[in-house]
Amino acid sequence: MTTNRTLVIVAHPNLTESRANATRLAEIKDLDNVTVHDLYQAYPDSNIDVAREHQLLREHDTIILQFPVYWYNVPSLLKAWFDAVLVYGFAFNFDGSPSALHGKKAWLAVTVGSTMETYATDGLARRTLEEYLAPVTQTLEFCQFDYQGFHAVYGMMFDPSEENLILDAKEYRRLVATCETPAA
């Protein structure tokens, strides 16, 4: 039986100040077959090593993008990573042939400043989080990833309790360790 290799691509510009993301990472750091790749640590100058990134993607079966939602979007370095790494001939083809990413599982692990109620059609954001994540999910699907959904923790601007952060991190660990599909 082949062991699933998971790549967690972390894109948080202030990871040391992020209680939720740091707690999640601390919870998975000892998992076998999991590689944590911090884009802001690897590329403080924003000069992305595309060959290295392609190799990392080739070597792993499941890709998790872990990031905070900033103004209904991804952090700037993750967007730059998409633009540099997910290119024609590697991540997609127009002739229908399989890409290097074809069939690899992918999901999102996001942290959100506002509450879950904010992300409702009748909430302050006027749309669901799933709607705001649509450009990312479409990108993954276009690149032939097997998109699995997202795991979100809300209310980060409101100083969540340590207990809630630990509960979220334990659920995150379970999802990463078991390669289970997150329930949005």
N, C-alpha and C. Protein backbone atom coordinates (compact mmCIF):
# COMPACT_ATOMS: atom_id res chain seq x y z
N MET A 1 0.84 -1.19 0.00
CA MET A 1 0.00 0.00 0.00
C MET A 1 0.88 1.25 0.00
N THR A 2 0.54 2.19 -0.86
CA THR A 2 1.29 3.42 -0.98
C THR A 2 0.82 4.42 0.08
N THR A 3 1.77 5.11 0.67
CA THR A 3 1.45 6.11 1.68
C THR A 3 1.19 7.45 1.00
N ASN A 4 0.12 8.11 1.39
CA ASN A 4 -0.21 9.42 0.86
C ASN A 4 0.78 10.45 1.41
N ARG A 5 1.34 11.25 0.53
CA ARG A 5 2.22 12.33 0.95
C ARG A 5 1.46 13.64 0.80
N THR A 6 1.44 14.43 1.86
CA THR A 6 0.67 15.66 1.90
C THR A 6 1.60 16.86 1.99
N LEU A 7 1.33 17.85 1.16
CA LEU A 7 2.07 19.11 1.16
C LEU A 7 1.12 20.20 1.67
N VAL A 8 1.49 20.83 2.77
CA VAL A 8 0.73 21.96 3.31
C VAL A 8 1.48 23.23 2.91
N ILE A 9 0.89 23.98 2.00
CA ILE A 9 1.48 25.23 1.55
C ILE A 9 0.86 26.35 2.39
N VAL A 10 1.69 26.95 3.23
CA VAL A 10 1.23 27.99 4.15
C VAL A 10 1.54 29.35 3.54
N ALA A 11 0.53 30.21 3.50
CA ALA A 11 0.72 31.55 2.95
C ALA A 11 0.14 32.57 3.93
N HIS A 12 0.92 32.86 4.94
CA HIS A 12 0.50 33.86 5.94
C HIS A 12 1.65 34.84 6.14
N PRO A 13 1.45 36.11 5.82
CA PRO A 13 2.55 37.08 5.93
C PRO A 13 3.00 37.39 7.35
N ASN A 14 2.17 37.06 8.35
CA ASN A 14 2.53 37.31 9.74
C ASN A 14 2.26 36.06 10.58
N LEU A 15 2.83 34.96 10.19
CA LEU A 15 2.53 33.68 10.80
C LEU A 15 2.79 33.67 12.31
N THR A 16 3.84 34.33 12.76
CA THR A 16 4.15 34.33 14.19
C THR A 16 3.08 35.05 15.01
N GLU A 17 2.31 35.92 14.37
CA GLU A 17 1.25 36.65 15.06
C GLU A 17 -0.13 36.01 14.88
N SER A 18 -0.19 34.92 14.14
CA SER A 18 -1.46 34.27 13.87
C SER A 18 -1.66 33.09 14.82
N ARG A 19 -2.50 33.29 15.81
CA ARG A 19 -2.74 32.21 16.77
C ARG A 19 -3.37 30.99 16.11
N ALA A 20 -4.34 31.19 15.25
CA ALA A 20 -5.05 30.06 14.64
C ALA A 20 -4.13 29.26 13.72
N ASN A 21 -3.42 29.94 12.83
CA ASN A 21 -2.54 29.23 11.90
C ASN A 21 -1.37 28.58 12.61
N ALA A 22 -0.80 29.26 13.58
CA ALA A 22 0.31 28.68 14.33
C ALA A 22 -0.14 27.46 15.13
N THR A 23 -1.34 27.53 15.71
CA THR A 23 -1.87 26.39 16.47
C THR A 23 -2.12 25.21 15.55
N ARG A 24 -2.66 25.47 14.38
CA ARG A 24 -2.87 24.40 13.40
C ARG A 24 -1.54 23.74 13.02
N LEU A 25 -0.55 24.55 12.73
CA LEU A 25 0.74 23.98 12.31
C LEU A 25 1.42 23.21 13.43
N ALA A 26 1.33 23.70 14.64
CA ALA A 26 1.91 22.99 15.79
C ALA A 26 1.27 21.62 15.94
N GLU A 27 0.00 21.53 15.63
CA GLU A 27 -0.73 20.27 15.79
C GLU A 27 -0.36 19.22 14.75
N ILE A 28 0.16 19.63 13.59
CA ILE A 28 0.49 18.66 12.53
C ILE A 28 1.99 18.45 12.33
N LYS A 29 2.81 19.17 13.09
CA LYS A 29 4.25 19.17 12.83
C LYS A 29 4.90 17.79 12.96
N ASP A 30 4.32 16.89 13.73
CA ASP A 30 4.93 15.57 13.93
C ASP A 30 4.33 14.49 13.04
N LEU A 31 3.45 14.84 12.13
CA LEU A 31 2.83 13.84 11.27
C LEU A 31 3.82 13.36 10.21
N ASP A 32 3.91 12.05 10.09
CA ASP A 32 4.73 11.48 9.02
C ASP A 32 4.09 11.78 7.68
N ASN A 33 4.90 11.88 6.66
CA ASN A 33 4.43 12.08 5.29
C ASN A 33 3.74 13.41 5.06
N VAL A 34 3.97 14.37 5.94
CA VAL A 34 3.43 15.72 5.76
C VAL A 34 4.61 16.69 5.67
N THR A 35 4.61 17.47 4.60
CA THR A 35 5.61 18.52 4.41
C THR A 35 4.92 19.86 4.56
N VAL A 36 5.42 20.69 5.47
CA VAL A 36 4.90 22.05 5.63
C VAL A 36 5.85 22.98 4.90
N HIS A 37 5.27 23.77 3.99
CA HIS A 37 6.06 24.68 3.15
C HIS A 37 5.51 26.09 3.32
N ASP A 38 6.23 26.92 4.05
CA ASP A 38 5.83 28.29 4.35
C ASP A 38 6.35 29.21 3.25
N LEU A 39 5.45 29.72 2.41
CA LEU A 39 5.87 30.55 1.28
C LEU A 39 6.55 31.83 1.71
N TYR A 40 6.07 32.47 2.77
CA TYR A 40 6.68 33.74 3.21
C TYR A 40 8.06 33.51 3.82
N GLN A 41 8.29 32.35 4.39
CA GLN A 41 9.63 32.03 4.91
C GLN A 41 10.56 31.65 3.76
N ALA A 42 10.06 30.89 2.81
CA ALA A 42 10.88 30.44 1.68
C ALA A 42 11.21 31.57 0.72
N TYR A 43 10.29 32.52 0.57
CA TYR A 43 10.46 33.58 -0.42
C TYR A 43 10.20 34.97 0.17
N PRO A 44 11.04 35.40 1.11
CA PRO A 44 10.83 36.73 1.71
C PRO A 44 10.97 37.85 0.69
N ASP A 45 11.68 37.57 -0.40
CA ASP A 45 11.86 38.57 -1.45
C ASP A 45 10.84 38.40 -2.58
N SER A 46 9.93 37.45 -2.42
CA SER A 46 8.88 37.15 -3.40
C SER A 46 9.39 36.55 -4.71
N ASN A 47 10.65 36.17 -4.75
CA ASN A 47 11.21 35.52 -5.94
C ASN A 47 11.00 34.02 -5.83
N ILE A 48 9.96 33.53 -6.44
CA ILE A 48 9.55 32.14 -6.31
C ILE A 48 10.39 31.25 -7.21
N ASP A 49 10.94 30.18 -6.62
CA ASP A 49 11.71 29.17 -7.35
C ASP A 49 10.70 28.19 -7.97
N VAL A 50 10.36 28.44 -9.21
CA VAL A 50 9.30 27.67 -9.87
C VAL A 50 9.69 26.19 -9.99
N ALA A 51 10.92 25.90 -10.33
CA ALA A 51 11.35 24.49 -10.45
C ALA A 51 11.19 23.76 -9.11
N ARG A 52 11.55 24.41 -8.03
CA ARG A 52 11.40 23.81 -6.69
C ARG A 52 9.92 23.56 -6.39
N GLU A 53 9.09 24.53 -6.70
CA GLU A 53 7.65 24.39 -6.44
C GLU A 53 7.05 23.26 -7.28
N HIS A 54 7.45 23.17 -8.53
CA HIS A 54 6.96 22.07 -9.38
C HIS A 54 7.37 20.72 -8.80
N GLN A 55 8.60 20.64 -8.33
CA GLN A 55 9.08 19.38 -7.75
C GLN A 55 8.27 19.02 -6.49
N LEU A 56 8.05 19.99 -5.64
CA LEU A 56 7.25 19.73 -4.43
C LEU A 56 5.85 19.23 -4.79
N LEU A 57 5.24 19.85 -5.76
CA LEU A 57 3.89 19.43 -6.18
C LEU A 57 3.92 18.02 -6.77
N ARG A 58 4.93 17.71 -7.54
CA ARG A 58 5.05 16.36 -8.12
C ARG A 58 5.22 15.29 -7.04
N GLU A 59 5.93 15.61 -5.97
CA GLU A 59 6.27 14.64 -4.93
C GLU A 59 5.14 14.35 -3.95
N HIS A 60 4.05 15.08 -4.02
CA HIS A 60 2.97 14.93 -3.03
C HIS A 60 1.66 14.56 -3.71
N ASP A 61 0.83 13.84 -2.96
CA ASP A 61 -0.46 13.36 -3.47
C ASP A 61 -1.61 14.30 -3.11
N THR A 62 -1.51 14.94 -1.96
CA THR A 62 -2.54 15.85 -1.47
C THR A 62 -1.88 17.20 -1.20
N ILE A 63 -2.53 18.26 -1.67
CA ILE A 63 -2.03 19.62 -1.48
C ILE A 63 -3.07 20.39 -0.67
N ILE A 64 -2.61 20.98 0.43
CA ILE A 64 -3.48 21.81 1.26
C ILE A 64 -2.94 23.23 1.21
N LEU A 65 -3.79 24.15 0.83
CA LEU A 65 -3.42 25.57 0.86
C LEU A 65 -3.98 26.17 2.14
N GLN A 66 -3.08 26.59 3.02
CA GLN A 66 -3.47 27.15 4.32
C GLN A 66 -3.18 28.64 4.30
N PHE A 67 -4.24 29.45 4.49
CA PHE A 67 -4.06 30.90 4.41
C PHE A 67 -5.20 31.63 5.10
N PRO A 68 -4.93 32.88 5.51
CA PRO A 68 -6.01 33.73 6.02
C PRO A 68 -6.72 34.39 4.83
N VAL A 69 -8.01 34.58 4.95
CA VAL A 69 -8.75 35.32 3.93
C VAL A 69 -8.55 36.80 4.22
N TYR A 70 -7.98 37.50 3.24
CA TYR A 70 -7.73 38.95 3.35
C TYR A 70 -8.60 39.66 2.34
N TRP A 71 -9.48 40.52 2.79
CA TRP A 71 -10.35 41.27 1.91
C TRP A 71 -10.96 40.36 0.84
N TYR A 72 -11.51 39.25 1.30
CA TYR A 72 -12.22 38.30 0.44
C TYR A 72 -11.31 37.64 -0.59
N ASN A 73 -10.04 37.53 -0.28
CA ASN A 73 -9.08 37.02 -1.24
C ASN A 73 -7.93 36.32 -0.53
N VAL A 74 -6.96 35.86 -1.32
CA VAL A 74 -5.77 35.20 -0.79
C VAL A 74 -4.69 36.24 -0.54
N PRO A 75 -3.73 35.96 0.35
CA PRO A 75 -2.59 36.87 0.53
C PRO A 75 -1.79 37.01 -0.77
N SER A 76 -1.13 38.13 -0.91
CA SER A 76 -0.47 38.47 -2.18
C SER A 76 0.55 37.44 -2.65
N LEU A 77 1.33 36.86 -1.75
CA LEU A 77 2.33 35.89 -2.19
C LEU A 77 1.70 34.61 -2.70
N LEU A 78 0.56 34.22 -2.16
CA LEU A 78 -0.13 33.05 -2.70
C LEU A 78 -0.64 33.33 -4.11
N LYS A 79 -1.16 34.53 -4.34
CA LYS A 79 -1.58 34.89 -5.70
C LYS A 79 -0.38 34.89 -6.64
N ALA A 80 0.76 35.41 -6.21
CA ALA A 80 1.97 35.40 -7.03
C ALA A 80 2.41 33.96 -7.29
N TRP A 81 2.25 33.09 -6.29
CA TRP A 81 2.59 31.67 -6.44
C TRP A 81 1.70 31.04 -7.52
N PHE A 82 0.40 31.30 -7.47
CA PHE A 82 -0.50 30.79 -8.52
C PHE A 82 0.00 31.22 -9.89
N ASP A 83 0.31 32.50 -10.04
CA ASP A 83 0.72 33.04 -11.34
C ASP A 83 2.03 32.45 -11.84
N ALA A 84 2.99 32.23 -10.95
CA ALA A 84 4.30 31.72 -11.34
C ALA A 84 4.33 30.20 -11.51
N VAL A 85 3.60 29.48 -10.67
CA VAL A 85 3.74 28.03 -10.60
C VAL A 85 2.70 27.28 -11.43
N LEU A 86 1.49 27.76 -11.44
CA LEU A 86 0.41 27.05 -12.12
C LEU A 86 0.32 27.50 -13.57
N VAL A 87 1.30 27.06 -14.35
CA VAL A 87 1.47 27.53 -15.72
C VAL A 87 1.11 26.46 -16.74
N TYR A 88 0.84 26.94 -17.94
CA TYR A 88 0.53 26.07 -19.09
C TYR A 88 1.67 25.05 -19.30
N GLY A 89 1.29 23.83 -19.57
CA GLY A 89 2.27 22.77 -19.80
C GLY A 89 2.61 22.00 -18.55
N PHE A 90 2.44 22.63 -17.40
CA PHE A 90 2.65 21.94 -16.12
C PHE A 90 1.32 21.73 -15.41
N ALA A 91 0.60 22.81 -15.17
CA ALA A 91 -0.63 22.74 -14.39
C ALA A 91 -1.87 22.56 -15.25
N PHE A 92 -1.79 22.89 -16.50
CA PHE A 92 -2.95 22.72 -17.39
C PHE A 92 -2.48 22.64 -18.84
N ASN A 93 -3.37 22.09 -19.66
CA ASN A 93 -3.15 21.99 -21.10
C ASN A 93 -4.48 22.29 -21.78
N PHE A 94 -4.43 22.80 -22.96
CA PHE A 94 -5.68 23.11 -23.67
C PHE A 94 -6.17 21.96 -24.52
N ASP A 95 -5.36 20.93 -24.68
CA ASP A 95 -5.77 19.81 -25.53
C ASP A 95 -6.46 18.69 -24.76
N GLY A 96 -6.70 18.90 -23.46
CA GLY A 96 -7.39 17.89 -22.66
C GLY A 96 -6.49 16.82 -22.08
N SER A 97 -5.20 16.85 -22.40
CA SER A 97 -4.29 15.85 -21.84
C SER A 97 -4.05 16.13 -20.36
N PRO A 98 -3.72 15.09 -19.58
CA PRO A 98 -3.52 15.28 -18.14
C PRO A 98 -2.35 16.21 -17.82
N SER A 99 -2.54 17.05 -16.83
CA SER A 99 -1.46 17.92 -16.35
C SER A 99 -0.64 17.15 -15.32
N ALA A 100 0.43 17.75 -14.86
CA ALA A 100 1.26 17.15 -13.80
C ALA A 100 0.49 17.07 -12.49
N LEU A 101 -0.61 17.81 -12.39
CA LEU A 101 -1.39 17.86 -11.16
C LEU A 101 -2.67 17.02 -11.25
N HIS A 102 -2.89 16.42 -12.37
CA HIS A 102 -4.12 15.67 -12.62
C HIS A 102 -4.39 14.64 -11.52
N GLY A 103 -5.56 14.75 -10.88
CA GLY A 103 -5.98 13.78 -9.89
C GLY A 103 -5.42 13.95 -8.50
N LYS A 104 -4.49 14.88 -8.31
CA LYS A 104 -3.99 15.12 -6.96
C LYS A 104 -5.10 15.78 -6.15
N LYS A 105 -5.29 15.35 -4.92
CA LYS A 105 -6.31 15.97 -4.08
C LYS A 105 -5.82 17.33 -3.62
N ALA A 106 -6.75 18.26 -3.48
CA ALA A 106 -6.42 19.59 -2.97
C ALA A 106 -7.59 20.10 -2.15
N TRP A 107 -7.26 20.78 -1.07
CA TRP A 107 -8.28 21.45 -0.27
C TRP A 107 -7.70 22.67 0.40
N LEU A 108 -8.57 23.49 0.95
CA LEU A 108 -8.19 24.76 1.55
C LEU A 108 -8.39 24.71 3.05
N ALA A 109 -7.45 25.28 3.78
CA ALA A 109 -7.55 25.45 5.23
C ALA A 109 -7.46 26.95 5.48
N VAL A 110 -8.60 27.59 5.71
CA VAL A 110 -8.62 29.04 5.78
C VAL A 110 -9.00 29.54 7.17
N THR A 111 -8.47 30.71 7.49
CA THR A 111 -8.88 31.42 8.70
C THR A 111 -9.53 32.71 8.25
N VAL A 112 -10.58 33.10 8.98
CA VAL A 112 -11.40 34.24 8.58
C VAL A 112 -11.56 35.18 9.77
N GLY A 113 -11.38 36.45 9.55
CA GLY A 113 -11.50 37.42 10.63
C GLY A 113 -12.91 37.55 11.16
N SER A 114 -13.88 37.57 10.28
CA SER A 114 -15.27 37.78 10.69
C SER A 114 -15.94 36.48 11.11
N THR A 115 -17.15 36.62 11.60
CA THR A 115 -17.92 35.46 12.05
C THR A 115 -18.56 34.73 10.87
N MET A 116 -19.01 33.52 11.12
CA MET A 116 -19.71 32.75 10.10
C MET A 116 -20.98 33.48 9.65
N GLU A 117 -21.64 34.16 10.57
CA GLU A 117 -22.87 34.88 10.24
C GLU A 117 -22.61 36.03 9.25
N THR A 118 -21.41 36.58 9.30
CA THR A 118 -21.05 37.63 8.36
C THR A 118 -21.09 37.11 6.93
N TYR A 119 -20.66 35.85 6.75
CA TYR A 119 -20.58 35.24 5.42
C TYR A 119 -21.86 34.48 5.09
N ALA A 120 -22.93 35.23 4.98
CA ALA A 120 -24.22 34.70 4.59
C ALA A 120 -24.85 35.71 3.64
N THR A 121 -25.79 35.27 2.84
CA THR A 121 -26.41 36.19 1.88
C THR A 121 -27.07 37.37 2.56
N ASP A 122 -27.50 37.19 3.80
CA ASP A 122 -28.10 38.30 4.54
C ASP A 122 -27.13 38.89 5.57
N GLY A 123 -25.88 38.49 5.51
CA GLY A 123 -24.86 39.01 6.42
C GLY A 123 -24.13 40.20 5.83
N LEU A 124 -23.20 40.74 6.59
CA LEU A 124 -22.46 41.93 6.18
C LEU A 124 -21.70 41.71 4.86
N ALA A 125 -21.16 40.53 4.64
CA ALA A 125 -20.39 40.24 3.42
C ALA A 125 -21.29 39.97 2.21
N ARG A 126 -22.57 39.69 2.45
CA ARG A 126 -23.59 39.47 1.43
C ARG A 126 -23.36 38.24 0.54
N ARG A 127 -22.36 37.47 0.83
CA ARG A 127 -22.08 36.23 0.10
C ARG A 127 -21.49 35.22 1.07
N THR A 128 -21.53 33.97 0.68
CA THR A 128 -20.93 32.93 1.51
C THR A 128 -19.42 32.90 1.31
N LEU A 129 -18.73 32.31 2.25
CA LEU A 129 -17.29 32.14 2.10
C LEU A 129 -16.99 31.30 0.87
N GLU A 130 -17.79 30.30 0.62
CA GLU A 130 -17.61 29.46 -0.57
C GLU A 130 -17.63 30.30 -1.85
N GLU A 131 -18.52 31.30 -1.90
CA GLU A 131 -18.56 32.18 -3.08
C GLU A 131 -17.28 33.00 -3.20
N TYR A 132 -16.77 33.50 -2.08
CA TYR A 132 -15.54 34.27 -2.13
C TYR A 132 -14.32 33.41 -2.49
N LEU A 133 -14.36 32.14 -2.15
CA LEU A 133 -13.26 31.23 -2.47
C LEU A 133 -13.35 30.66 -3.89
N ALA A 134 -14.42 30.97 -4.61
CA ALA A 134 -14.65 30.40 -5.94
C ALA A 134 -13.48 30.60 -6.91
N PRO A 135 -12.82 31.76 -6.96
CA PRO A 135 -11.68 31.89 -7.89
C PRO A 135 -10.55 30.89 -7.57
N VAL A 136 -10.33 30.63 -6.30
CA VAL A 136 -9.29 29.67 -5.91
C VAL A 136 -9.72 28.25 -6.28
N THR A 137 -10.96 27.92 -5.96
CA THR A 137 -11.42 26.56 -6.27
C THR A 137 -11.47 26.33 -7.77
N GLN A 138 -11.88 27.33 -8.52
CA GLN A 138 -11.89 27.20 -9.98
C GLN A 138 -10.47 27.01 -10.52
N THR A 139 -9.52 27.74 -9.96
CA THR A 139 -8.12 27.58 -10.37
C THR A 139 -7.65 26.15 -10.14
N LEU A 140 -7.94 25.62 -8.96
CA LEU A 140 -7.53 24.25 -8.65
C LEU A 140 -8.19 23.25 -9.59
N GLU A 141 -9.47 23.42 -9.84
CA GLU A 141 -10.16 22.50 -10.73
C GLU A 141 -9.67 22.63 -12.16
N PHE A 142 -9.40 23.83 -12.64
CA PHE A 142 -8.88 24.04 -13.99
C PHE A 142 -7.53 23.35 -14.15
N CYS A 143 -6.75 23.33 -13.06
CA CYS A 143 -5.44 22.68 -13.07
C CYS A 143 -5.54 21.17 -12.83
N GLN A 144 -6.74 20.64 -12.88
CA GLN A 144 -7.03 19.21 -12.79
C GLN A 144 -6.79 18.60 -11.42
N PHE A 145 -6.75 19.44 -10.38
CA PHE A 145 -6.75 18.91 -9.03
C PHE A 145 -8.13 18.31 -8.76
N ASP A 146 -8.18 17.36 -7.85
CA ASP A 146 -9.43 16.81 -7.35
C ASP A 146 -9.77 17.64 -6.11
N TYR A 147 -10.51 18.73 -6.31
CA TYR A 147 -10.80 19.66 -5.22
C TYR A 147 -11.74 19.02 -4.21
N GLN A 148 -11.35 19.08 -2.92
CA GLN A 148 -12.06 18.39 -1.85
C GLN A 148 -12.88 19.29 -0.93
N GLY A 149 -12.78 20.60 -1.08
CA GLY A 149 -13.52 21.51 -0.21
C GLY A 149 -12.60 22.33 0.68
N PHE A 150 -13.18 22.91 1.72
CA PHE A 150 -12.37 23.76 2.60
C PHE A 150 -12.76 23.52 4.06
N HIS A 151 -11.78 23.83 4.91
CA HIS A 151 -11.97 23.78 6.36
C HIS A 151 -11.68 25.19 6.86
N ALA A 152 -12.68 25.82 7.48
CA ALA A 152 -12.54 27.21 7.90
C ALA A 152 -12.72 27.36 9.40
N VAL A 153 -12.00 28.31 9.95
CA VAL A 153 -12.24 28.76 11.32
C VAL A 153 -12.52 30.26 11.23
N TYR A 154 -13.61 30.66 11.82
CA TYR A 154 -14.11 32.03 11.72
C TYR A 154 -13.84 32.83 13.00
N GLY A 155 -14.00 34.14 12.90
CA GLY A 155 -13.99 35.02 14.07
C GLY A 155 -12.61 35.35 14.62
N MET A 156 -11.59 35.32 13.80
CA MET A 156 -10.23 35.56 14.29
C MET A 156 -10.02 36.99 14.77
N MET A 157 -10.82 37.93 14.29
CA MET A 157 -10.69 39.32 14.75
C MET A 157 -11.26 39.52 16.15
N PHE A 158 -11.98 38.53 16.63
CA PHE A 158 -12.68 38.67 17.90
C PHE A 158 -12.04 37.87 19.02
N ASP A 159 -10.73 37.65 18.90
CA ASP A 159 -9.96 36.99 19.94
C ASP A 159 -10.60 35.67 20.40
N PRO A 160 -10.56 34.68 19.54
CA PRO A 160 -11.18 33.39 19.89
C PRO A 160 -10.51 32.76 21.11
N SER A 161 -11.26 31.96 21.82
CA SER A 161 -10.72 31.33 23.01
C SER A 161 -9.66 30.30 22.63
N GLU A 162 -8.74 30.09 23.55
CA GLU A 162 -7.70 29.09 23.34
C GLU A 162 -8.33 27.71 23.13
N GLU A 163 -9.41 27.45 23.86
CA GLU A 163 -10.10 26.17 23.73
C GLU A 163 -10.62 25.96 22.30
N ASN A 164 -11.22 27.00 21.71
CA ASN A 164 -11.72 26.89 20.34
C ASN A 164 -10.60 26.70 19.33
N LEU A 165 -9.49 27.39 19.54
CA LEU A 165 -8.34 27.23 18.64
C LEU A 165 -7.79 25.81 18.72
N ILE A 166 -7.73 25.25 19.92
CA ILE A 166 -7.22 23.89 20.10
C ILE A 166 -8.18 22.88 19.47
N LEU A 167 -9.47 23.08 19.65
CA LEU A 167 -10.46 22.18 19.03
C LEU A 167 -10.33 22.21 17.51
N ASP A 168 -10.20 23.41 16.94
CA ASP A 168 -10.02 23.54 15.49
C ASP A 168 -8.74 22.84 15.05
N ALA A 169 -7.64 23.05 15.77
CA ALA A 169 -6.36 22.44 15.40
C ALA A 169 -6.42 20.92 15.47
N LYS A 170 -7.12 20.38 16.44
CA LYS A 170 -7.26 18.93 16.55
C LYS A 170 -8.07 18.37 15.37
N GLU A 171 -9.11 19.08 14.97
CA GLU A 171 -9.89 18.66 13.80
C GLU A 171 -9.03 18.77 12.54
N TYR A 172 -8.24 19.82 12.44
CA TYR A 172 -7.32 20.00 11.32
C TYR A 172 -6.34 18.83 11.26
N ARG A 173 -5.77 18.47 12.39
CA ARG A 173 -4.85 17.34 12.44
C ARG A 173 -5.54 16.06 11.95
N ARG A 174 -6.76 15.83 12.42
CA ARG A 174 -7.49 14.63 12.01
C ARG A 174 -7.68 14.61 10.49
N LEU A 175 -8.06 15.74 9.93
CA LEU A 175 -8.27 15.81 8.48
C LEU A 175 -6.97 15.58 7.71
N VAL A 176 -5.89 16.20 8.15
CA VAL A 176 -4.59 16.04 7.48
C VAL A 176 -4.10 14.61 7.61
N ALA A 177 -4.18 14.06 8.82
CA ALA A 177 -3.65 12.72 9.07
C ALA A 177 -4.42 11.63 8.35
N THR A 178 -5.72 11.81 8.21
CA THR A 178 -6.55 10.77 7.60
C THR A 178 -6.82 11.01 6.12
N CYS A 179 -6.37 12.15 5.60
CA CYS A 179 -6.63 12.54 4.22
C CYS A 179 -8.14 12.58 3.94
N GLU A 180 -8.88 12.94 4.95
CA GLU A 180 -10.33 13.01 4.83
C GLU A 180 -10.75 14.32 4.17
N THR A 181 -11.89 14.28 3.54
CA THR A 181 -12.42 15.49 2.90
C THR A 181 -13.00 16.40 3.98
N PRO A 182 -12.60 17.68 3.98
CA PRO A 182 -13.15 18.61 4.98
C PRO A 182 -14.60 18.92 4.67
N ALA A 183 -15.36 19.12 5.71
CA ALA A 183 -16.75 19.56 5.56
C ALA A 183 -16.78 21.07 5.69
N ALA A 184 -17.18 21.74 4.65
CA ALA A 184 -17.16 23.21 4.66
C ALA A 184 -18.15 23.77 5.65
